[in-house]
PDB file of N, CA and C in Angstrom:
ATOM      1  N   MET A   1     -75.944  30.038  16.129  1.00  0.00           N
ATOM      2  CA  MET A   1     -75.782  30.809  14.915  1.00  0.00           C
ATOM      3  C   MET A   1     -75.601  29.884  13.699  1.00  0.00           C
ATOM      4  N   GLU A   2     -74.794  28.835  13.861  1.00  0.00           N
ATOM      5  CA  GLU A   2     -74.592  27.899  12.753  1.00  0.00           C
ATOM      6  C   GLU A   2     -75.911  27.194  12.399  1.00  0.00           C
ATOM      7  N   TYR A   3     -76.704  26.913  13.421  1.00  0.00           N
ATOM      8  CA  TYR A   3     -77.982  26.252  13.190  1.00  0.00           C
ATOM      9  C   TYR A   3     -78.903  27.147  12.358  1.00  0.00           C
ATOM     10  N   ASP A   4     -78.946  28.452  12.674  1.00  0.00           N
ATOM     11  CA  ASP A   4     -79.782  29.379  11.921  1.00  0.00           C
ATOM     12  C   ASP A   4     -79.298  29.544  10.488  1.00  0.00           C
ATOM     13  N   ASN A   5     -77.989  29.526  10.263  1.00  0.00           N
ATOM     14  CA  ASN A   5     -77.448  29.657   8.908  1.00  0.00           C
ATOM     15  C   ASN A   5     -77.739  28.413   8.075  1.00  0.00           C
ATOM     16  N   GLY A   6     -77.746  27.253   8.690  1.00  0.00           N
ATOM     17  CA  GLY A   6     -77.998  26.002   7.975  1.00  0.00           C
ATOM     18  C   GLY A   6     -79.462  25.746   7.724  1.00  0.00           C
ATOM     19  N   LYS A   7     -80.340  26.541   8.304  1.00  0.00           N
ATOM     20  CA  LYS A   7     -81.781  26.351   8.168  1.00  0.00           C
ATOM     21  C   LYS A   7     -82.265  26.545   6.737  1.00  0.00           C
ATOM     22  N   ASN A   8     -81.742  27.503   6.018  1.00  0.00           N
ATOM     23  CA  ASN A   8     -82.234  27.860   4.692  1.00  0.00           C
ATOM     24  C   ASN A   8     -81.439  27.201   3.568  1.00  0.00           C
ATOM     25  N   THR A   9     -80.871  26.038   3.811  1.00  0.00           N
ATOM     26  CA  THR A   9     -80.083  25.381   2.767  1.00  0.00           C
ATOM     27  C   THR A   9     -80.896  24.379   1.956  1.00  0.00           C
ATOM     28  N   ASP A  10     -82.145  24.153   2.316  1.00  0.00           N
ATOM     29  CA  ASP A  10     -82.991  23.216   1.577  1.00  0.00           C
ATOM     30  C   ASP A  10     -83.398  23.862   0.254  1.00  0.00           C
ATOM     31  N   ASP A  11     -82.873  23.310  -0.845  1.00  0.00           N
ATOM     32  CA  ASP A  11     -83.123  23.893  -2.172  1.00  0.00           C
ATOM     33  C   ASP A  11     -84.591  23.817  -2.573  1.00  0.00           C
ATOM     34  N   LYS A  12     -85.240  22.699  -2.282  1.00  0.00           N
ATOM     35  CA  LYS A  12     -86.643  22.552  -2.670  1.00  0.00           C
ATOM     36  C   LYS A  12     -87.525  23.559  -1.943  1.00  0.00           C
ATOM     37  N   LYS A  13     -87.202  23.809  -0.694  1.00  0.00           N
ATOM     38  CA  LYS A  13     -87.980  24.769   0.080  1.00  0.00           C
ATOM     39  C   LYS A  13     -87.803  26.173  -0.495  1.00  0.00           C
ATOM     40  N   GLN A  14     -86.576  26.522  -0.859  1.00  0.00           N
ATOM     41  CA  GLN A  14     -86.319  27.842  -1.423  1.00  0.00           C
ATOM     42  C   GLN A  14     -87.001  27.998  -2.787  1.00  0.00           C
ATOM     43  N   GLU A  15     -86.969  26.926  -3.572  1.00  0.00           N
ATOM     44  CA  GLU A  15     -87.589  26.973  -4.900  1.00  0.00           C
ATOM     45  C   GLU A  15     -89.110  27.077  -4.798  1.00  0.00           C
ATOM     46  N   SER A  16     -89.695  26.383  -3.833  1.00  0.00           N
ATOM     47  CA  SER A  16     -91.151  26.409  -3.701  1.00  0.00           C
ATOM     48  C   SER A  16     -91.646  27.752  -3.173  1.00  0.00           C
ATOM     49  N   LYS A  17     -90.816  28.495  -2.485  1.00  0.00           N
ATOM     50  CA  LYS A  17     -91.223  29.814  -1.994  1.00  0.00           C
ATOM     51  C   LYS A  17     -91.491  30.781  -3.142  1.00  0.00           C
ATOM     52  N   LYS A  18     -90.861  30.537  -4.297  1.00  0.00           N
ATOM     53  CA  LYS A  18     -91.084  31.391  -5.468  1.00  0.00           C
ATOM     54  C   LYS A  18     -92.533  31.286  -5.962  1.00  0.00           C
ATOM     55  N   PHE A  19     -93.156  30.138  -5.752  1.00  0.00           N
ATOM     56  CA  PHE A  19     -94.489  29.883  -6.282  1.00  0.00           C
ATOM     57  C   PHE A  19     -95.606  30.199  -5.289  1.00  0.00           C
ATOM     58  N   LEU A  20     -95.284  30.696  -4.105  1.00  0.00           N
ATOM     59  CA  LEU A  20     -96.282  30.857  -3.054  1.00  0.00           C
ATOM     60  C   LEU A  20     -97.424  31.795  -3.414  1.00  0.00           C
ATOM     61  N   GLY A  21     -97.159  32.963  -3.942  1.00  0.00           N
ATOM     62  CA  GLY A  21     -98.224  33.928  -4.193  1.00  0.00           C
ATOM     63  C   GLY A  21     -98.834  33.855  -5.567  1.00  0.00           C
ATOM     64  N   ARG A  22     -98.531  32.803  -6.336  1.00  0.00           N
ATOM     65  CA  ARG A  22     -98.983  32.737  -7.722  1.00  0.00           C
ATOM     66  C   ARG A  22    -100.383  32.165  -7.828  1.00  0.00           C
ATOM     67  N   VAL A  23    -101.130  32.677  -8.801  1.00  0.00           N
ATOM     68  CA  VAL A  23    -102.505  32.235  -9.021  1.00  0.00           C
ATOM     69  C   VAL A  23    -102.671  31.943 -10.511  1.00  0.00           C
ATOM     70  N   ASP A  24    -103.195  30.764 -10.813  1.00  0.00           N
ATOM     71  CA  ASP A  24    -103.469  30.400 -12.203  1.00  0.00           C
ATOM     72  C   ASP A  24    -104.865  30.858 -12.578  1.00  0.00           C
ATOM     73  N   GLN A  25    -105.030  31.212 -13.850  1.00  0.00           N
ATOM     74  CA  GLN A  25    -106.325  31.680 -14.342  1.00  0.00           C
ATOM     75  C   GLN A  25    -106.849  30.675 -15.356  1.00  0.00           C
ATOM     76  N   ILE A  26    -108.058  30.191 -15.160  1.00  0.00           N
ATOM     77  CA  ILE A  26    -108.697  29.265 -16.089  1.00  0.00           C
ATOM     78  C   ILE A  26    -109.703  30.055 -16.925  1.00  0.00           C
ATOM     79  N   TYR A  27    -109.632  29.883 -18.245  1.00  0.00           N
ATOM     80  CA  TYR A  27    -110.562  30.585 -19.123  1.00  0.00           C
ATOM     81  C   TYR A  27    -110.927  29.693 -20.299  1.00  0.00           C
ATOM     82  N   LYS A  28    -112.001  30.035 -20.979  1.00  0.00           N
ATOM     83  CA  LYS A  28    -112.462  29.273 -22.144  1.00  0.00           C
ATOM     84  C   LYS A  28    -112.093  30.030 -23.410  1.00  0.00           C
ATOM     85  N   HIS A  29    -111.355  29.375 -24.287  1.00  0.00           N
ATOM     86  CA  HIS A  29    -110.967  29.963 -25.558  1.00  0.00           C
ATOM     87  C   HIS A  29    -112.197  29.993 -26.462  1.00  0.00           C
ATOM     88  N   GLU A  30    -112.507  31.157 -27.018  1.00  0.00           N
ATOM     89  CA  GLU A  30    -113.765  31.322 -27.750  1.00  0.00           C
ATOM     90  C   GLU A  30    -113.793  30.577 -29.080  1.00  0.00           C
ATOM     91  N   LYS A  31    -112.695  30.592 -29.816  1.00  0.00           N
ATOM     92  CA  LYS A  31    -112.693  29.963 -31.146  1.00  0.00           C
ATOM     93  C   LYS A  31    -112.696  28.438 -31.075  1.00  0.00           C
ATOM     94  N   THR A  32    -111.909  27.879 -30.154  1.00  0.00           N
ATOM     95  CA  THR A  32    -111.784  26.423 -30.092  1.00  0.00           C
ATOM     96  C   THR A  32    -112.662  25.793 -29.021  1.00  0.00           C
ATOM     97  N   ALA A  33    -113.254  26.585 -28.139  1.00  0.00           N
ATOM     98  CA  ALA A  33    -114.100  26.116 -27.034  1.00  0.00           C
ATOM     99  C   ALA A  33    -113.332  25.212 -26.078  1.00  0.00           C
ATOM    100  N   LEU A  34    -112.029  25.464 -25.941  1.00  0.00           N
ATOM    101  CA  LEU A  34    -111.198  24.700 -25.013  1.00  0.00           C
ATOM    102  C   LEU A  34    -111.026  25.472 -23.716  1.00  0.00           C
ATOM    103  N   ASN A  35    -110.946  24.756 -22.611  1.00  0.00           N
ATOM    104  CA  ASN A  35    -110.626  25.366 -21.331  1.00  0.00           C
ATOM    105  C   ASN A  35    -109.109  25.384 -21.181  1.00  0.00           C
ATOM    106  N   LEU A  36    -108.530  26.559 -21.022  1.00  0.00           N
ATOM    107  CA  LEU A  36    -107.089  26.713 -20.929  1.00  0.00           C
ATOM    108  C   LEU A  36    -106.710  27.338 -19.597  1.00  0.00           C
ATOM    109  N   VAL A  37    -105.450  27.148 -19.205  1.00  0.00           N
ATOM    110  CA  VAL A  37    -104.942  27.681 -17.947  1.00  0.00           C
ATOM    111  C   VAL A  37    -103.732  28.553 -18.248  1.00  0.00           C
ATOM    112  N   LYS A  38    -103.726  29.766 -17.674  1.00  0.00           N
ATOM    113  CA  LYS A  38    -102.581  30.676 -17.774  1.00  0.00           C
ATOM    114  C   LYS A  38    -102.069  30.967 -16.376  1.00  0.00           C
ATOM    115  N   ASP A  39    -100.746  31.146 -16.264  1.00  0.00           N
ATOM    116  CA  ASP A  39    -100.201  31.540 -14.973  1.00  0.00           C
ATOM    117  C   ASP A  39    -100.120  33.058 -14.879  1.00  0.00           C
ATOM    118  N   ASP A  40     -99.496  33.559 -13.823  1.00  0.00           N
ATOM    119  CA  ASP A  40     -99.414  35.003 -13.603  1.00  0.00           C
ATOM    120  C   ASP A  40     -98.691  35.746 -14.716  1.00  0.00           C
ATOM    121  N   PHE A  41     -97.787  35.065 -15.409  1.00  0.00           N
ATOM    122  CA  PHE A  41     -96.993  35.705 -16.445  1.00  0.00           C
ATOM    123  C   PHE A  41     -97.622  35.600 -17.826  1.00  0.00           C
ATOM    124  N   GLY A  42     -98.807  34.999 -17.919  1.00  0.00           N
ATOM    125  CA  GLY A  42     -99.494  34.861 -19.199  1.00  0.00           C
ATOM    126  C   GLY A  42     -99.042  33.661 -20.004  1.00  0.00           C
ATOM    127  N   ILE A  43     -98.342  32.730 -19.378  1.00  0.00           N
ATOM    128  CA  ILE A  43     -97.847  31.538 -20.065  1.00  0.00           C
ATOM    129  C   ILE A  43     -98.852  30.413 -19.853  1.00  0.00           C
ATOM    130  N   HIS A  44     -99.209  29.703 -20.942  1.00  0.00           N
ATOM    131  CA  HIS A  44    -100.146  28.592 -20.823  1.00  0.00           C
ATOM    132  C   HIS A  44     -99.495  27.445 -20.056  1.00  0.00           C
ATOM    133  N   VAL A  45    -100.285  26.804 -19.211  1.00  0.00           N
ATOM    134  CA  VAL A  45     -99.802  25.764 -18.318  1.00  0.00           C
ATOM    135  C   VAL A  45    -100.448  24.439 -18.686  1.00  0.00           C
ATOM    136  N   LEU A  46     -99.653  23.364 -18.675  1.00  0.00           N
ATOM    137  CA  LEU A  46    -100.179  22.006 -18.802  1.00  0.00           C
ATOM    138  C   LEU A  46     -99.761  21.273 -17.537  1.00  0.00           C
ATOM    139  N   TYR A  47    -100.727  20.893 -16.717  1.00  0.00           N
ATOM    140  CA  TYR A  47    -100.427  20.235 -15.459  1.00  0.00           C
ATOM    141  C   TYR A  47     -99.899  18.825 -15.702  1.00  0.00           C
ATOM    142  N   ASP A  48     -99.066  18.330 -14.779  1.00  0.00           N
ATOM    143  CA  ASP A  48     -98.496  16.994 -14.894  1.00  0.00           C
ATOM    144  C   ASP A  48     -99.574  15.929 -14.936  1.00  0.00           C
ATOM    145  N   ALA A  49    -100.628  16.101 -14.158  1.00  0.00           N
ATOM    146  CA  ALA A  49    -101.704  15.106 -14.134  1.00  0.00           C
ATOM    147  C   ALA A  49    -102.407  15.029 -15.489  1.00  0.00           C
ATOM    148  N   ALA A  50    -102.615  16.169 -16.134  1.00  0.00           N
ATOM    149  CA  ALA A  50    -103.265  16.173 -17.452  1.00  0.00           C
ATOM    150  C   ALA A  50    -102.379  15.486 -18.485  1.00  0.00           C
ATOM    151  N   PHE A  51    -101.065  15.708 -18.401  1.00  0.00           N
ATOM    152  CA  PHE A  51    -100.150  15.090 -19.354  1.00  0.00           C
ATOM    153  C   PHE A  51    -100.106  13.577 -19.153  1.00  0.00           C
ATOM    154  N   SER A  52    -100.051  13.122 -17.910  1.00  0.00           N
ATOM    155  CA  SER A  52    -100.018  11.673 -17.670  1.00  0.00           C
ATOM    156  C   SER A  52    -101.344  11.022 -18.064  1.00  0.00           C
ATOM    157  N   ASP A  53    -102.470  11.715 -17.846  1.00  0.00           N
ATOM    158  CA  ASP A  53    -103.768  11.198 -18.289  1.00  0.00           C
ATOM    159  C   ASP A  53    -103.826  11.071 -19.806  1.00  0.00           C
ATOM    160  N   MET A  54    -103.257  12.055 -20.511  1.00  0.00           N
ATOM    161  CA  MET A  54    -103.232  12.026 -21.968  1.00  0.00           C
ATOM    162  C   MET A  54    -102.402  10.835 -22.467  1.00  0.00           C
ATOM    163  N   ARG A  55    -101.237  10.607 -21.850  1.00  0.00           N
ATOM    164  CA  ARG A  55    -100.386   9.486 -22.262  1.00  0.00           C
ATOM    165  C   ARG A  55    -101.080   8.146 -21.991  1.00  0.00           C
ATOM    166  N   THR A  56    -101.778   8.038 -20.870  1.00  0.00           N
ATOM    167  CA  THR A  56    -102.499   6.814 -20.537  1.00  0.00           C
ATOM    168  C   THR A  56    -103.617   6.564 -21.542  1.00  0.00           C
ATOM    169  N   MET A  57    -104.343   7.627 -21.902  1.00  0.00           N
ATOM    170  CA  MET A  57    -105.426   7.503 -22.870  1.00  0.00           C
ATOM    171  C   MET A  57    -104.886   7.086 -24.242  1.00  0.00           C
ATOM    172  N   GLU A  58    -103.768   7.670 -24.669  1.00  0.00           N
ATOM    173  CA  GLU A  58    -103.179   7.306 -25.961  1.00  0.00           C
ATOM    174  C   GLU A  58    -102.775   5.839 -25.978  1.00  0.00           C
ATOM    175  N   THR A  59    -102.177   5.357 -24.893  1.00  0.00           N
ATOM    176  CA  THR A  59    -101.769   3.957 -24.810  1.00  0.00           C
ATOM    177  C   THR A  59    -102.973   3.033 -24.853  1.00  0.00           C
ATOM    178  N   GLU A  60    -104.037   3.394 -24.149  1.00  0.00           N
ATOM    179  CA  GLU A  60    -105.248   2.572 -24.136  1.00  0.00           C
ATOM    180  C   GLU A  60    -105.892   2.514 -25.520  1.00  0.00           C
ATOM    181  N   ILE A  61    -105.974   3.636 -26.205  1.00  0.00           N
ATOM    182  CA  ILE A  61    -106.555   3.659 -27.560  1.00  0.00           C
ATOM    183  C   ILE A  61    -105.709   2.834 -28.519  1.00  0.00           C
ATOM    184  N   LEU A  62    -104.389   2.922 -28.397  1.00  0.00           N
ATOM    185  CA  LEU A  62    -103.504   2.145 -29.252  1.00  0.00           C
ATOM    186  C   LEU A  62    -103.698   0.645 -29.027  1.00  0.00           C
ATOM    187  N   LYS A  63    -103.854   0.238 -27.765  1.00  0.00           N
ATOM    188  CA  LYS A  63    -104.082  -1.180 -27.463  1.00  0.00           C
ATOM    189  C   LYS A  63    -105.407  -1.662 -28.027  1.00  0.00           C
ATOM    190  N   ILE A  64    -106.447  -0.837 -27.883  1.00  0.00           N
ATOM    191  CA  ILE A  64    -107.769  -1.216 -28.393  1.00  0.00           C
ATOM    192  C   ILE A  64    -107.736  -1.348 -29.912  1.00  0.00           C
ATOM    193  N   CYS A  65    -107.132  -0.380 -30.585  1.00  0.00           N
ATOM    194  CA  CYS A  65    -107.045  -0.435 -32.058  1.00  0.00           C
ATOM    195  C   CYS A  65    -106.228  -1.637 -32.501  1.00  0.00           C
ATOM    196  N   SER A  66    -105.124  -1.917 -31.818  1.00  0.00           N
ATOM    197  CA  SER A  66    -104.290  -3.066 -32.181  1.00  0.00           C
ATOM    198  C   SER A  66    -105.056  -4.370 -32.016  1.00  0.00           C
ATOM    199  N   PHE A  67    -105.835  -4.484 -30.952  1.00  0.00           N
ATOM    200  CA  PHE A  67    -106.615  -5.690 -30.720  1.00  0.00           C
ATOM    201  C   PHE A  67    -107.581  -5.939 -31.869  1.00  0.00           C
ATOM    202  N   TYR A  68    -108.327  -4.912 -32.254  1.00  0.00           N
ATOM    203  CA  TYR A  68    -109.326  -5.095 -33.312  1.00  0.00           C
ATOM    204  C   TYR A  68    -108.703  -5.241 -34.692  1.00  0.00           C
ATOM    205  N   VAL A  69    -107.568  -4.621 -34.932  1.00  0.00           N
ATOM    206  CA  VAL A  69    -106.889  -4.815 -36.219  1.00  0.00           C
ATOM    207  C   VAL A  69    -106.401  -6.249 -36.320  1.00  0.00           C
ATOM    208  N   ASN A  70    -105.786  -6.762 -35.254  1.00  0.00           N
ATOM    209  CA  ASN A  70    -105.298  -8.145 -35.279  1.00  0.00           C
ATOM    210  C   ASN A  70    -106.431  -9.147 -35.372  1.00  0.00           C
ATOM    211  N   LYS A  71    -107.582  -8.801 -34.819  1.00  0.00           N
ATOM    212  CA  LYS A  71    -108.733  -9.691 -34.887  1.00  0.00           C
ATOM    213  C   LYS A  71    -109.376  -9.671 -36.279  1.00  0.00           C
ATOM    214  N   ALA A  72    -109.421  -8.507 -36.904  1.00  0.00           N
ATOM    215  CA  ALA A  72    -110.101  -8.364 -38.191  1.00  0.00           C
ATOM    216  C   ALA A  72    -109.207  -8.697 -39.374  1.00  0.00           C
ATOM    217  N   GLU A  73    -107.912  -8.743 -39.170  1.00  0.00           N
ATOM    218  CA  GLU A  73    -107.004  -8.930 -40.292  1.00  0.00           C
ATOM    219  C   GLU A  73    -106.450 -10.351 -40.316  1.00  0.00           C
ATOM    220  N   PRO A  74    -107.065 -11.199 -41.075  1.00  0.00           N
ATOM    221  CA  PRO A  74    -106.517 -12.560 -41.174  1.00  0.00           C
ATOM    222  C   PRO A  74    -105.262 -12.544 -42.051  1.00  0.00           C
ATOM    223  N   LEU A  75    -104.415 -13.464 -41.808  1.00  0.00           N
ATOM    224  CA  LEU A  75    -103.229 -13.583 -42.659  1.00  0.00           C
ATOM    225  C   LEU A  75    -103.662 -14.157 -44.004  1.00  0.00           C
ATOM    226  N   LEU A  76    -103.480 -13.369 -45.035  1.00  0.00           N
ATOM    227  CA  LEU A  76    -103.927 -13.780 -46.359  1.00  0.00           C
ATOM    228  C   LEU A  76    -102.948 -14.739 -47.016  1.00  0.00           C
ATOM    229  N   ASP A  77    -101.701 -14.657 -46.609  1.00  0.00           N
ATOM    230  CA  ASP A  77    -100.686 -15.498 -47.218  1.00  0.00           C
ATOM    231  C   ASP A  77     -99.743 -15.975 -46.126  1.00  0.00           C
ATOM    232  N   ASN A  78     -99.356 -17.214 -46.168  1.00  0.00           N
ATOM    233  CA  ASN A  78     -98.451 -17.761 -45.161  1.00  0.00           C
ATOM    234  C   ASN A  78     -96.995 -17.423 -45.447  1.00  0.00           C
ATOM    235  N   ASP A  79     -96.725 -16.922 -46.605  1.00  0.00           N
ATOM    236  CA  ASP A  79     -95.361 -16.554 -46.959  1.00  0.00           C
ATOM    237  C   ASP A  79     -95.010 -15.230 -46.278  1.00  0.00           C
ATOM    238  N   LEU A  80     -94.112 -15.242 -45.320  1.00  0.00           N
ATOM    239  CA  LEU A  80     -93.783 -14.051 -44.524  1.00  0.00           C
ATOM    240  C   LEU A  80     -93.089 -12.967 -45.334  1.00  0.00           C
ATOM    241  N   ARG A  81     -92.478 -13.328 -46.441  1.00  0.00           N
ATOM    242  CA  ARG A  81     -91.782 -12.317 -47.247  1.00  0.00           C
ATOM    243  C   ARG A  81     -92.748 -11.441 -48.035  1.00  0.00           C
ATOM    244  N   ASN A  82     -93.941 -11.947 -48.344  1.00  0.00           N
ATOM    245  CA  ASN A  82     -94.895 -11.214 -49.171  1.00  0.00           C
ATOM    246  C   ASN A  82     -96.147 -10.820 -48.397  1.00  0.00           C
ATOM    247  N   MET A  83     -96.030 -10.626 -47.090  1.00  0.00           N
ATOM    248  CA  MET A  83     -97.189 -10.288 -46.283  1.00  0.00           C
ATOM    249  C   MET A  83     -97.416  -8.776 -46.293  1.00  0.00           C
ATOM    250  N   TYR A  84     -98.610  -8.349 -46.645  1.00  0.00           N
ATOM    251  CA  TYR A  84     -98.976  -6.934 -46.649  1.00  0.00           C
ATOM    252  C   TYR A  84    -100.197  -6.739 -45.755  1.00  0.00           C
ATOM    253  N   PRO A  85    -100.266  -5.624 -45.062  1.00  0.00           N
ATOM    254  CA  PRO A  85    -101.438  -5.406 -44.202  1.00  0.00           C
ATOM    255  C   PRO A  85    -102.690  -5.166 -45.033  1.00  0.00           C
ATOM    256  N   ALA A  86    -103.792  -5.774 -44.588  1.00  0.00           N
ATOM    257  CA  ALA A  86    -105.060  -5.609 -45.287  1.00  0.00           C
ATOM    258  C   ALA A  86    -105.857  -4.449 -44.706  1.00  0.00           C
ATOM    259  N   VAL A  87    -105.422  -3.906 -43.569  1.00  0.00           N
ATOM    260  CA  VAL A  87    -106.141  -2.836 -42.887  1.00  0.00           C
ATOM    261  C   VAL A  87    -105.223  -1.627 -42.784  1.00  0.00           C
ATOM    262  N   ASP A  88    -105.770  -0.447 -43.054  1.00  0.00           N
ATOM    263  CA  ASP A  88    -105.005   0.789 -42.930  1.00  0.00           C
ATOM    264  C   ASP A  88    -104.951   1.194 -41.453  1.00  0.00           C
ATOM    265  N   ARG A  89    -103.839   0.883 -40.806  1.00  0.00           N
ATOM    266  CA  ARG A  89    -103.714   1.097 -39.365  1.00  0.00           C
ATOM    267  C   ARG A  89    -103.737   2.579 -38.992  1.00  0.00           C
ATOM    268  N   LEU A  90    -103.072   3.394 -39.765  1.00  0.00           N
ATOM    269  CA  LEU A  90    -103.023   4.823 -39.461  1.00  0.00           C
ATOM    270  C   LEU A  90    -104.399   5.471 -39.584  1.00  0.00           C
ATOM    271  N   LYS A  91    -105.178   5.035 -40.554  1.00  0.00           N
ATOM    272  CA  LYS A  91    -106.532   5.563 -40.726  1.00  0.00           C
ATOM    273  C   LYS A  91    -107.408   5.202 -39.527  1.00  0.00           C
ATOM    274  N   ILE A  92    -107.314   3.958 -39.063  1.00  0.00           N
ATOM    275  CA  ILE A  92    -108.108   3.531 -37.917  1.00  0.00           C
ATOM    276  C   ILE A  92    -107.692   4.289 -36.660  1.00  0.00           C
ATOM    277  N   LEU A  93    -106.390   4.438 -36.443  1.00  0.00           N
ATOM    278  CA  LEU A  93    -105.897   5.165 -35.279  1.00  0.00           C
ATOM    279  C   LEU A  93    -106.295   6.636 -35.342  1.00  0.00           C
ATOM    280  N   ASP A  94    -106.242   7.216 -36.541  1.00  0.00           N
ATOM    281  CA  ASP A  94    -106.654   8.608 -36.723  1.00  0.00           C
ATOM    282  C   ASP A  94    -108.134   8.787 -36.383  1.00  0.00           C
ATOM    283  N   GLU A  95    -108.968   7.866 -36.847  1.00  0.00           N
ATOM    284  CA  GLU A  95    -110.400   7.942 -36.551  1.00  0.00           C
ATOM    285  C   GLU A  95    -110.671   7.760 -35.063  1.00  0.00           C
ATOM    286  N   ALA A  96    -109.958   6.822 -34.424  1.00  0.00           N
ATOM    287  CA  ALA A  96    -110.164   6.587 -32.991  1.00  0.00           C
ATOM    288  C   ALA A  96    -109.772   7.819 -32.181  1.00  0.00           C
ATOM    289  N   LEU A  97    -108.651   8.451 -32.530  1.00  0.00           N
ATOM    290  CA  LEU A  97    -108.232   9.661 -31.822  1.00  0.00           C
ATOM    291  C   LEU A  97    -109.197  10.812 -32.090  1.00  0.00           C
ATOM    292  N   LYS A  98    -109.732  10.892 -33.310  1.00  0.00           N
ATOM    293  CA  LYS A  98    -110.701  11.938 -33.635  1.00  0.00           C
ATOM    294  C   LYS A  98    -111.963  11.776 -32.792  1.00  0.00           C
ATOM    295  N   TRP A  99    -112.465  10.543 -32.692  1.00  0.00           N
ATOM    296  CA  TRP A  99    -113.682  10.300 -31.910  1.00  0.00           C
ATOM    297  C   TRP A  99    -113.436  10.525 -30.414  1.00  0.00           C
ATOM    298  N   GLU A 100    -112.255  10.178 -29.942  1.00  0.00           N
ATOM    299  CA  GLU A 100    -111.934  10.419 -28.533  1.00  0.00           C
ATOM    300  C   GLU A 100    -111.835  11.922 -28.265  1.00  0.00           C
ATOM    301  N   ASN A 101    -111.280  12.660 -29.214  1.00  0.00           N
ATOM    302  CA  ASN A 101    -111.193  14.108 -29.083  1.00  0.00           C
ATOM    303  C   ASN A 101    -112.580  14.738 -29.084  1.00  0.00           C
ATOM    304  N   ASP A 102    -113.462  14.255 -29.974  1.00  0.00           N
ATOM    305  CA  ASP A 102    -114.835  14.785 -30.008  1.00  0.00           C
ATOM    306  C   ASP A 102    -115.591  14.465 -28.725  1.00  0.00           C
ATOM    307  N   TYR A 103    -115.299  13.289 -28.150  1.00  0.00           N
ATOM    308  CA  TYR A 103    -115.972  12.907 -26.900  1.00  0.00           C
ATOM    309  C   TYR A 103    -115.550  13.835 -25.771  1.00  0.00           C
TER     310      TYR A 103
END
């Protein structure tokens, strides 16, 4: 009897049983032409894999932009107190993210 009572004490197992009969719906948003996912309750879902892929892509784009900015921007003055950037970093990053989004 004690063995049967202790069987259902696994919290993860009990929590995962809540999700057993659920089905996600994938649809295409007409105005934005994006593929979106909704769960049974009508709430939009972002999967963990998609979020980690997005973070990896952002880091890679930032590294690429930094490499080319550092390569294209020579130090115009050796005086460290009066050094100003010759390249608009935010504009370049904005364009890179825009092109990646269009791709």
